[in-house]
C-alpha atoms as a PDB file:
ATOM      1  CA  MET A   1      75.146 122.498  87.584  1.00  0.00           C
ATOM      2  CA  THR A   2      73.082 119.065  87.133  1.00  0.00           C
ATOM      3  CA  ARG A   3      70.174 118.931  89.750  1.00  0.00           C
ATOM      4  CA  GLY A   4      69.467 116.122  91.829  1.00  0.00           C
ATOM      5  CA  ARG A   5      66.036 114.421  92.541  1.00  0.00           C
ATOM      6  CA  LEU A   6      63.482 114.657  95.317  1.00  0.00           C
ATOM      7  CA  ILE A   7      62.635 111.165  95.845  1.00  0.00           C
ATOM      8  CA  LEU A   8      59.576 110.122  97.872  1.00  0.00           C
ATOM      9  CA  MET A   9      60.723 107.153 100.005  1.00  0.00           C
ATOM     10  CA  PRO A  10      57.936 105.305 101.282  1.00  0.00           C
ATOM     11  CA  ASN A  11      57.900 104.152 105.156  1.00  0.00           C
ATOM     12  CA  THR A  12      56.776 101.223 107.278  1.00  0.00           C
ATOM     13  CA  LEU A  13      53.292 101.942 109.315  1.00  0.00           C
ATOM     14  CA  ASP A  14      54.356 101.033 112.460  1.00  0.00           C
ATOM     15  CA  PHE A  15      56.239 104.139 113.216  1.00  0.00           C
ATOM     16  CA  GLY A  16      59.911 102.206 113.699  1.00  0.00           C
ATOM     17  CA  VAL A  17      58.851 100.393 116.939  1.00  0.00           C
ATOM     18  CA  ASP A  18      57.838  97.013 115.880  1.00  0.00           C
ATOM     19  CA  ASP A  19      61.413  95.214 116.145  1.00  0.00           C
ATOM     20  CA  SER A  20      59.557  91.773 114.690  1.00  0.00           C
ATOM     21  CA  LEU A  21      58.579  93.478 111.409  1.00  0.00           C
ATOM     22  CA  ASP A  22      60.840  92.431 108.564  1.00  0.00           C
ATOM     23  CA  LEU A  23      61.509  95.456 106.163  1.00  0.00           C
ATOM     24  CA  ARG A  24      61.455  93.107 103.219  1.00  0.00           C
ATOM     25  CA  GLU A  25      57.733  91.975 104.021  1.00  0.00           C
ATOM     26  CA  VAL A  26      56.458  95.974 103.113  1.00  0.00           C
ATOM     27  CA  LEU A  27      59.024  97.443 100.902  1.00  0.00           C
ATOM     28  CA  PRO A  28      60.486  96.026  97.996  1.00  0.00           C
ATOM     29  CA  GLN A  29      64.310  95.421  97.808  1.00  0.00           C
ATOM     30  CA  ARG A  30      64.758  98.115  94.980  1.00  0.00           C
ATOM     31  CA  ILE A  31      63.366 100.633  97.603  1.00  0.00           C
ATOM     32  CA  ILE A  32      65.464  99.183 100.454  1.00  0.00           C
ATOM     33  CA  GLU A  33      68.408  99.990  98.149  1.00  0.00           C
ATOM     34  CA  THR A  34      67.779 103.185  97.114  1.00  0.00           C
ATOM     35  CA  ALA A  35      67.291 104.196 100.768  1.00  0.00           C
ATOM     36  CA  ALA A  36      70.581 102.947 101.687  1.00  0.00           C
ATOM     37  CA  ARG A  37      72.379 105.216  98.972  1.00  0.00           C
ATOM     38  CA  LEU A  38      70.472 108.356  99.696  1.00  0.00           C
ATOM     39  CA  THR A  39      72.909 110.807 102.262  1.00  0.00           C
ATOM     40  CA  HIS A  40      70.517 113.800 102.405  1.00  0.00           C
ATOM     41  CA  TRP A  41      66.806 113.758 103.784  1.00  0.00           C
ATOM     42  CA  ALA A  42      63.986 115.853 104.370  1.00  0.00           C
ATOM     43  CA  ALA A  43      61.707 114.051 107.347  1.00  0.00           C
ATOM     44  CA  GLU A  44      58.774 114.581 109.000  1.00  0.00           C
ATOM     45  CA  SER A  45      60.514 112.876 112.087  1.00  0.00           C
ATOM     46  CA  ALA A  46      64.166 112.310 112.436  1.00  0.00           C
ATOM     47  CA  LYS A  47      63.595 109.384 114.759  1.00  0.00           C
ATOM     48  CA  THR A  48      61.564 107.607 112.520  1.00  0.00           C
ATOM     49  CA  THR A  49      63.675 108.131 109.752  1.00  0.00           C
ATOM     50  CA  ARG A  50      66.796 106.752 111.970  1.00  0.00           C
ATOM     51  CA  ALA A  51      64.706 103.828 113.040  1.00  0.00           C
ATOM     52  CA  LEU A  52      63.999 103.104 108.991  1.00  0.00           C
ATOM     53  CA  LEU A  53      67.480 103.241 108.184  1.00  0.00           C
ATOM     54  CA  LYS A  54      68.699 100.943 110.644  1.00  0.00           C
ATOM     55  CA  ARG A  55      66.549  98.587 109.462  1.00  0.00           C
ATOM     56  CA  VAL A  56      67.753  99.010 105.830  1.00  0.00           C
ATOM     57  CA  ASP A  57      71.586  98.802 106.949  1.00  0.00           C
ATOM     58  CA  ALA A  58      70.917  95.484 108.000  1.00  0.00           C
ATOM     59  CA  ILE A  59      69.717  94.102 104.547  1.00  0.00           C
ATOM     60  CA  SER A  60      71.568  96.839 102.326  1.00  0.00           C
ATOM     61  CA  PRO A  61      74.289  98.710 103.932  1.00  0.00           C
ATOM     62  CA  LEU A  62      74.169 102.537 104.238  1.00  0.00           C
ATOM     63  CA  ALA A  63      76.441 104.375 101.811  1.00  0.00           C
ATOM     64  CA  GLN A  64      77.634 106.409 105.013  1.00  0.00           C
ATOM     65  CA  PRO A  65      77.689 105.902 108.620  1.00  0.00           C
ATOM     66  CA  LEU A  66      73.957 106.958 110.144  1.00  0.00           C
ATOM     67  CA  GLN A  67      75.881 109.374 112.078  1.00  0.00           C
ATOM     68  CA  ALA A  68      76.829 111.105 108.847  1.00  0.00           C
ATOM     69  CA  ILE A  69      73.635 111.091 106.915  1.00  0.00           C
ATOM     70  CA  GLN A  70      71.921 114.198 106.918  1.00  0.00           C
ATOM     71  CA  ILE A  71      68.182 114.223 108.197  1.00  0.00           C
ATOM     72  CA  SER A  72      66.617 117.655 108.290  1.00  0.00           C
ATOM     73  CA  GLU A  73      63.071 117.941 109.591  1.00  0.00           C
ATOM     74  CA  LEU A  74      60.358 119.523 107.873  1.00  0.00           C
ATOM     75  CA  PRO A  75      59.065 123.019 109.406  1.00  0.00           C
ATOM     76  CA  ARG A  76      56.254 122.571 111.823  1.00  0.00           C
ATOM     77  CA  PRO A  77      53.388 124.544 112.129  1.00  0.00           C
ATOM     78  CA  PRO A  78      53.252 126.585 115.680  1.00  0.00           C
ATOM     79  CA  LYS A  79      51.047 125.112 118.528  1.00  0.00           C
ATOM     80  CA  GLY A  80      47.518 126.383 118.209  1.00  0.00           C
ATOM     81  CA  GLY A  81      47.705 126.664 114.180  1.00  0.00           C
ATOM     82  CA  LYS A  82      48.472 130.324 114.511  1.00  0.00           C
ATOM     83  CA  SER A  83      50.852 131.408 111.798  1.00  0.00           C
ATOM     84  CA  ALA A  84      54.153 132.867 112.817  1.00  0.00           C
ATOM     85  CA  GLY A  85      54.722 134.456 109.505  1.00  0.00           C
ATOM     86  CA  ASP A  86      56.042 133.210 105.628  1.00  0.00           C
ATOM     87  CA  ASP A  87      57.891 129.940 106.472  1.00  0.00           C
ATOM     88  CA  THR A  88      58.693 129.630 102.792  1.00  0.00           C
ATOM     89  CA  ALA A  89      62.308 130.103 102.975  1.00  0.00           C
ATOM     90  CA  ALA A  90      62.805 127.572 105.469  1.00  0.00           C
ATOM     91  CA  TRP A  91      60.866 124.978 103.190  1.00  0.00           C
ATOM     92  CA  ARG A  92      63.291 125.863 100.086  1.00  0.00           C
ATOM     93  CA  ALA A  93      66.263 125.383 102.539  1.00  0.00           C
ATOM     94  CA  LEU A  94      65.372 121.763 102.620  1.00  0.00           C
ATOM     95  CA  LEU A  95      66.058 121.697  98.962  1.00  0.00           C
ATOM     96  CA  ALA A  96      69.661 122.822  99.022  1.00  0.00           C
ATOM     97  CA  PRO A  97      70.886 119.106  98.644  1.00  0.00           C
ATOM     98  CA  ALA A  98      68.650 118.824  95.459  1.00  0.00           C
ATOM     99  CA  MET A  99      70.014 122.102  94.384  1.00  0.00           C
ATOM    100  CA  GLU A 100      73.571 121.491  94.846  1.00  0.00           C
ATOM    101  CA  GLY A 101      73.195 117.876  92.738  1.00  0.00           C
ATOM    102  CA  ALA A 102      72.401 115.292  95.314  1.00  0.00           C
ATOM    103  CA  ASP A 103      69.169 112.905  95.603  1.00  0.00           C
ATOM    104  CA  LEU A 104      67.124 114.150  98.256  1.00  0.00           C
ATOM    105  CA  GLY A 105      64.652 111.721  99.956  1.00  0.00           C
ATOM    106  CA  LEU A 106      61.623 112.854 101.127  1.00  0.00           C
ATOM    107  CA  ILE A 107      60.057 110.542 104.331  1.00  0.00           C
ATOM    108  CA  SER A 108      57.001 110.402 106.614  1.00  0.00           C
ATOM    109  CA  GLU A 109      56.845 109.205 109.720  1.00  0.00           C
ATOM    110  CA  ALA A 110      54.649 106.256 108.300  1.00  0.00           C
ATOM    111  CA  GLY A 111      53.185 105.364 104.823  1.00  0.00           C
ATOM    112  CA  LEU A 112      53.626 107.591 101.696  1.00  0.00           C
ATOM    113  CA  PRO A 113      55.053 111.143 102.015  1.00  0.00           C
ATOM    114  CA  ALA A 114      52.656 113.702 100.909  1.00  0.00           C
ATOM    115  CA  VAL A 115      49.644 111.900 101.308  1.00  0.00           C
ATOM    116  CA  ALA A 116      47.950 112.936 104.592  1.00  0.00           C
ATOM    117  CA  ASP A 117      51.068 114.703 105.310  1.00  0.00           C
ATOM    118  CA  PRO A 118      52.852 117.834 105.384  1.00  0.00           C
ATOM    119  CA  GLY A 119      55.392 116.932 102.742  1.00  0.00           C
ATOM    120  CA  ALA A 120      53.104 118.227 100.048  1.00  0.00           C
ATOM    121  CA  ARG A 121      54.435 121.663 100.370  1.00  0.00           C
ATOM    122  CA  LEU A 122      57.956 120.464  99.864  1.00  0.00           C
ATOM    123  CA  VAL A 123      56.934 118.529  96.601  1.00  0.00           C
ATOM    124  CA  ALA A 124      55.341 121.802  95.340  1.00  0.00           C
ATOM    125  CA  LEU A 125      58.500 124.153  95.725  1.00  0.00           C
ATOM    126  CA  ALA A 126      60.433 121.404  94.149  1.00  0.00           C
ATOM    127  CA  HIS A 127      58.529 121.208  91.056  1.00  0.00           C
ATOM    128  CA  GLU A 128      58.693 125.345  91.185  1.00  0.00           C
ATOM    129  CA  ALA A 129      62.591 124.829  91.350  1.00  0.00           C
ATOM    130  CA  GLY A 130      62.447 122.489  88.344  1.00  0.00           C
ATOM    131  CA  ILE A 131      63.850 119.772  90.392  1.00  0.00           C
ATOM    132  CA  GLU A 132      62.581 116.284  89.177  1.00  0.00           C
ATOM    133  CA  VAL A 133      60.099 114.315  91.790  1.00  0.00           C
ATOM    134  CA  THR A 134      60.145 110.647  91.782  1.00  0.00           C
ATOM    135  CA  PRO A 135      57.788 108.799  93.624  1.00  0.00           C
ATOM    136  CA  LEU A 136      58.445 105.193  95.122  1.00  0.00           C
ATOM    137  CA  SER A 137      56.213 102.605  95.541  1.00  0.00           C
ATOM    138  CA  GLY A 138      55.253 101.590  99.145  1.00  0.00           C
ATOM    139  CA  PRO A 139      52.413 101.023 102.031  1.00  0.00           C
ATOM    140  CA  SER A 140      49.393 103.782 101.939  1.00  0.00           C
ATOM    141  CA  SER A 141      47.445 102.737 104.963  1.00  0.00           C
ATOM    142  CA  LEU A 142      44.634 104.780 103.305  1.00  0.00           C
ATOM    143  CA  LEU A 143      44.607 102.936 100.167  1.00  0.00           C
ATOM    144  CA  LEU A 144      45.069  99.667 101.856  1.00  0.00           C
ATOM    145  CA  ALA A 145      42.090 100.106 103.974  1.00  0.00           C
ATOM    146  CA  LEU A 146      39.765 101.410 100.935  1.00  0.00           C
ATOM    147  CA  ALA A 147      40.946  98.438  99.305  1.00  0.00           C
ATOM    148  CA  ALA A 148      40.556  95.864 102.287  1.00  0.00           C
ATOM    149  CA  SER A 149      36.735  97.571 102.960  1.00  0.00           C
ATOM    150  CA  GLY A 150      34.558  96.245 100.574  1.00  0.00           C
ATOM    151  CA  LEU A 151      33.134  99.916 100.133  1.00  0.00           C
ATOM    152  CA  ASN A 152      33.183 102.062  97.356  1.00  0.00           C
ATOM    153  CA  GLY A 153      36.976 102.255  95.766  1.00  0.00           C
ATOM    154  CA  GLN A 154      35.372 104.085  92.229  1.00  0.00           C
ATOM    155  CA  SER A 155      34.634 107.269  94.702  1.00  0.00           C
ATOM    156  CA  PHE A 156      35.851 108.348  97.740  1.00  0.00           C
ATOM    157  CA  ALA A 157      37.028 111.215  99.741  1.00  0.00           C
ATOM    158  CA  PHE A 158      39.990 111.331 102.487  1.00  0.00           C
ATOM    159  CA  VAL A 159      38.850 114.099 105.070  1.00  0.00           C
ATOM    160  CA  GLY A 160      41.585 113.744 107.769  1.00  0.00           C
ATOM    161  CA  TYR A 161      41.032 114.568 111.224  1.00  0.00           C
ATOM    162  CA  LEU A 162      37.554 114.993 112.731  1.00  0.00           C
ATOM    163  CA  PRO A 163      36.896 117.963 115.502  1.00  0.00           C
ATOM    164  CA  VAL A 164      37.990 117.023 119.087  1.00  0.00           C
ATOM    165  CA  ASP A 165      35.267 118.675 120.669  1.00  0.00           C
ATOM    166  CA  SER A 166      32.440 116.098 120.695  1.00  0.00           C
ATOM    167  CA  ALA A 167      29.442 118.169 119.760  1.00  0.00           C
ATOM    168  CA  SER A 168      31.571 119.391 116.650  1.00  0.00           C
ATOM    169  CA  ARG A 169      32.740 115.890 115.986  1.00  0.00           C
ATOM    170  CA  ALA A 170      29.417 114.611 115.734  1.00  0.00           C
ATOM    171  CA  ALA A 171      27.660 117.096 113.582  1.00  0.00           C
ATOM    172  CA  ARG A 172      30.734 116.640 111.137  1.00  0.00           C
ATOM    173  CA  ILE A 173      30.210 112.519 111.144  1.00  0.00           C
ATOM    174  CA  ARG A 174      26.327 113.336 110.258  1.00  0.00           C
ATOM    175  CA  GLU A 175      27.553 116.034 107.483  1.00  0.00           C
ATOM    176  CA  LEU A 176      30.174 113.024 106.122  1.00  0.00           C
ATOM    177  CA  GLU A 177      27.433 110.568 106.312  1.00  0.00           C
ATOM    178  CA  SER A 178      25.183 112.561 104.729  1.00  0.00           C
ATOM    179  CA  LEU A 179      27.611 113.425 101.774  1.00  0.00           C
ATOM    180  CA  SER A 180      28.098 109.749 101.125  1.00  0.00           C
ATOM    181  CA  ALA A 181      24.541 109.182 100.719  1.00  0.00           C
ATOM    182  CA  LYS A 182      24.064 111.795  98.545  1.00  0.00           C
ATOM    183  CA  ALA A 183      26.956 110.919  96.157  1.00  0.00           C
ATOM    184  CA  GLN A 184      27.750 106.850  97.221  1.00  0.00           C
ATOM    185  CA  GLN A 185      30.992 108.098  97.997  1.00  0.00           C
ATOM    186  CA  THR A 186      33.380 106.339 100.868  1.00  0.00           C
ATOM    187  CA  GLN A 187      34.611 108.513 103.509  1.00  0.00           C
ATOM    188  CA  LEU A 188      37.971 107.828 104.861  1.00  0.00           C
ATOM    189  CA  LEU A 189      39.206 109.269 107.992  1.00  0.00           C
ATOM    190  CA  ILE A 190      42.151 108.911 110.762  1.00  0.00           C
ATOM    191  CA  GLU A 191      42.566 109.596 114.463  1.00  0.00           C
ATOM    192  CA  THR A 192      45.595 109.566 116.967  1.00  0.00           C
ATOM    193  CA  PRO A 193      46.258 106.385 118.069  1.00  0.00           C
ATOM    194  CA  TYR A 194      45.454 106.799 121.880  1.00  0.00           C
ATOM    195  CA  ARG A 195      41.872 108.197 120.518  1.00  0.00           C
ATOM    196  CA  ASN A 196      40.997 105.047 118.277  1.00  0.00           C
ATOM    197  CA  ASP A 197      38.164 103.811 120.505  1.00  0.00           C
ATOM    198  CA  ALA A 198      37.012 107.468 121.364  1.00  0.00           C
ATOM    199  CA  MET A 199      36.409 107.762 117.304  1.00  0.00           C
ATOM    200  CA  ARG A 200      34.875 104.212 117.185  1.00  0.00           C
ATOM    201  CA  GLN A 201      32.203 105.185 119.719  1.00  0.00           C
ATOM    202  CA  ALA A 202      31.776 108.590 118.112  1.00  0.00           C
ATOM    203  CA  LEU A 203      30.756 107.118 114.830  1.00  0.00           C
ATOM    204  CA  LEU A 204      28.567 104.708 116.516  1.00  0.00           C
ATOM    205  CA  SER A 205      26.697 107.149 118.045  1.00  0.00           C
ATOM    206  CA  ALA A 206      26.013 109.426 115.316  1.00  0.00           C
ATOM    207  CA  LEU A 207      26.023 107.229 112.387  1.00  0.00           C
ATOM    208  CA  LYS A 208      22.205 105.486 111.190  1.00  0.00           C
ATOM    209  CA  PRO A 209      21.823 101.833 111.896  1.00  0.00           C
ATOM    210  CA  GLY A 210      22.397 101.093 108.616  1.00  0.00           C
ATOM    211  CA  THR A 211      25.338 102.675 107.518  1.00  0.00           C
ATOM    212  CA  ARG A 212      28.625 100.514 106.703  1.00  0.00           C
ATOM    213  CA  LEU A 213      31.716 101.216 108.793  1.00  0.00           C
ATOM    214  CA  SER A 214      35.037  99.613 107.967  1.00  0.00           C
ATOM    215  CA  ILE A 215      37.824  99.769 110.110  1.00  0.00           C
ATOM    216  CA  SER A 216      41.280  98.879 109.625  1.00  0.00           C
ATOM    217  CA  VAL A 217      44.146  98.282 112.360  1.00  0.00           C
ATOM    218  CA  GLY A 218      47.998  98.006 112.042  1.00  0.00           C
ATOM    219  CA  LEU A 219      47.893  97.167 108.368  1.00  0.00           C
ATOM    220  CA  THR A 220      50.985  95.559 107.144  1.00  0.00           C
ATOM    221  CA  LEU A 221      51.885  94.492 110.843  1.00  0.00           C
ATOM    222  CA  PRO A 222      51.388  91.165 112.372  1.00  0.00           C
ATOM    223  CA  GLY A 223      47.976  90.860 113.902  1.00  0.00           C
ATOM    224  CA  GLY A 224      46.542  93.532 111.369  1.00  0.00           C
ATOM    225  CA  TRP A 225      42.681  93.254 110.596  1.00  0.00           C
ATOM    226  CA  THR A 226      40.129  95.335 108.742  1.00  0.00           C
ATOM    227  CA  ARG A 227      36.449  94.429 109.390  1.00  0.00           C
ATOM    228  CA  THR A 228      33.201  96.151 107.542  1.00  0.00           C
ATOM    229  CA  ALA A 229      29.881  95.939 108.861  1.00  0.00           C
ATOM    230  CA  THR A 230      26.775  97.689 109.636  1.00  0.00           C
ATOM    231  CA  VAL A 231      26.857 100.236 112.675  1.00  0.00           C
ATOM    232  CA  ALA A 232      24.022  98.081 113.870  1.00  0.00           C
ATOM    233  CA  ASP A 233      26.419  94.924 114.036  1.00  0.00           C
ATOM    234  CA  TRP A 234      29.364  97.298 115.293  1.00  0.00           C
ATOM    235  CA  LYS A 235      27.338  97.738 118.271  1.00  0.00           C
ATOM    236  CA  ARG A 236      26.272  94.358 118.885  1.00  0.00           C
ATOM    237  CA  SER A 237      30.066  93.378 118.773  1.00  0.00           C
ATOM    238  CA  ASN A 238      31.170  95.981 120.831  1.00  0.00           C
ATOM    239  CA  THR A 239      34.834  95.530 119.701  1.00  0.00           C
ATOM    240  CA  ALA A 240      37.242  98.002 121.645  1.00  0.00           C
ATOM    241  CA  LEU A 241      40.320  99.202 119.468  1.00  0.00           C
ATOM    242  CA  PRO A 242      43.990  99.346 120.580  1.00  0.00           C
ATOM    243  CA  ASP A 243      45.426 102.550 121.518  1.00  0.00           C
ATOM    244  CA  ARG A 244      48.989 102.576 120.150  1.00  0.00           C
ATOM    245  CA  ILE A 245      48.565 101.062 116.857  1.00  0.00           C
ATOM    246  CA  PRO A 246      47.387 103.228 113.799  1.00  0.00           C
ATOM    247  CA  ALA A 247      43.669 102.938 112.638  1.00  0.00           C
ATOM    248  CA  VAL A 248      41.689 104.105 109.406  1.00  0.00           C
ATOM    249  CA  PHE A 249      37.895 104.434 109.587  1.00  0.00           C
ATOM    250  CA  ALA A 250      35.949 104.223 106.184  1.00  0.00           C
ATOM    251  CA  LEU A 251      32.101 104.770 106.029  1.00  0.00           C
ATOM    252  CA  LEU A 252      29.605 104.628 103.510  1.00  0.00           C
ATOM    253  CA  ALA A 253      25.892 104.990 103.899  1.00  0.00           C
END
């Protein structure tokens, strides 16, 4: 039997909540048409996937009614991060449509799947099973923020989320600043939107005055922006960040 493909489908960066966003301003027409024909999805969030498909349907009619489209969510780790045992079988089960010949879309809540996203595990299992993996172009908040920052785009690292505990977070920030200075490497990090301003304040408290800090907010969305300045200049401006819009932080010592 001919196997289907695992198609890495980009999503918008607004988590499906900005009704004013024109999908065609963010995703190419070919991507929209591909999303319209897929009837099987593996998703980080079924809710945001349905929100995207509603937008798609308004431009390119879905191959099946939304209610008939199969959307399976990726297994989530137990709360507290403790393993409940080997869940590989649950991940492999998501690939069943592709094993049976249907193309399967993999989609994140926002941006590109498998980048700063748990979907990478499904991609690895697809390779093991001999399923063709096809990435499609779309917005990545990390790369957009890096490009707009004016910081070093030749050498950079994405370090994900920092510790929530204030002392541990400050120590990690200083460690990243030291690594950045030693290698002249841009350090990229993210935070849950409601902690955006707390992260800004933590960075300004822990970083040296001459370190350059770039913050990108709501990229690809109406009113989105990027600002890069020294820590000293950020302190003088005292710019507060929104608590419902994703932000990306980047530093270069």
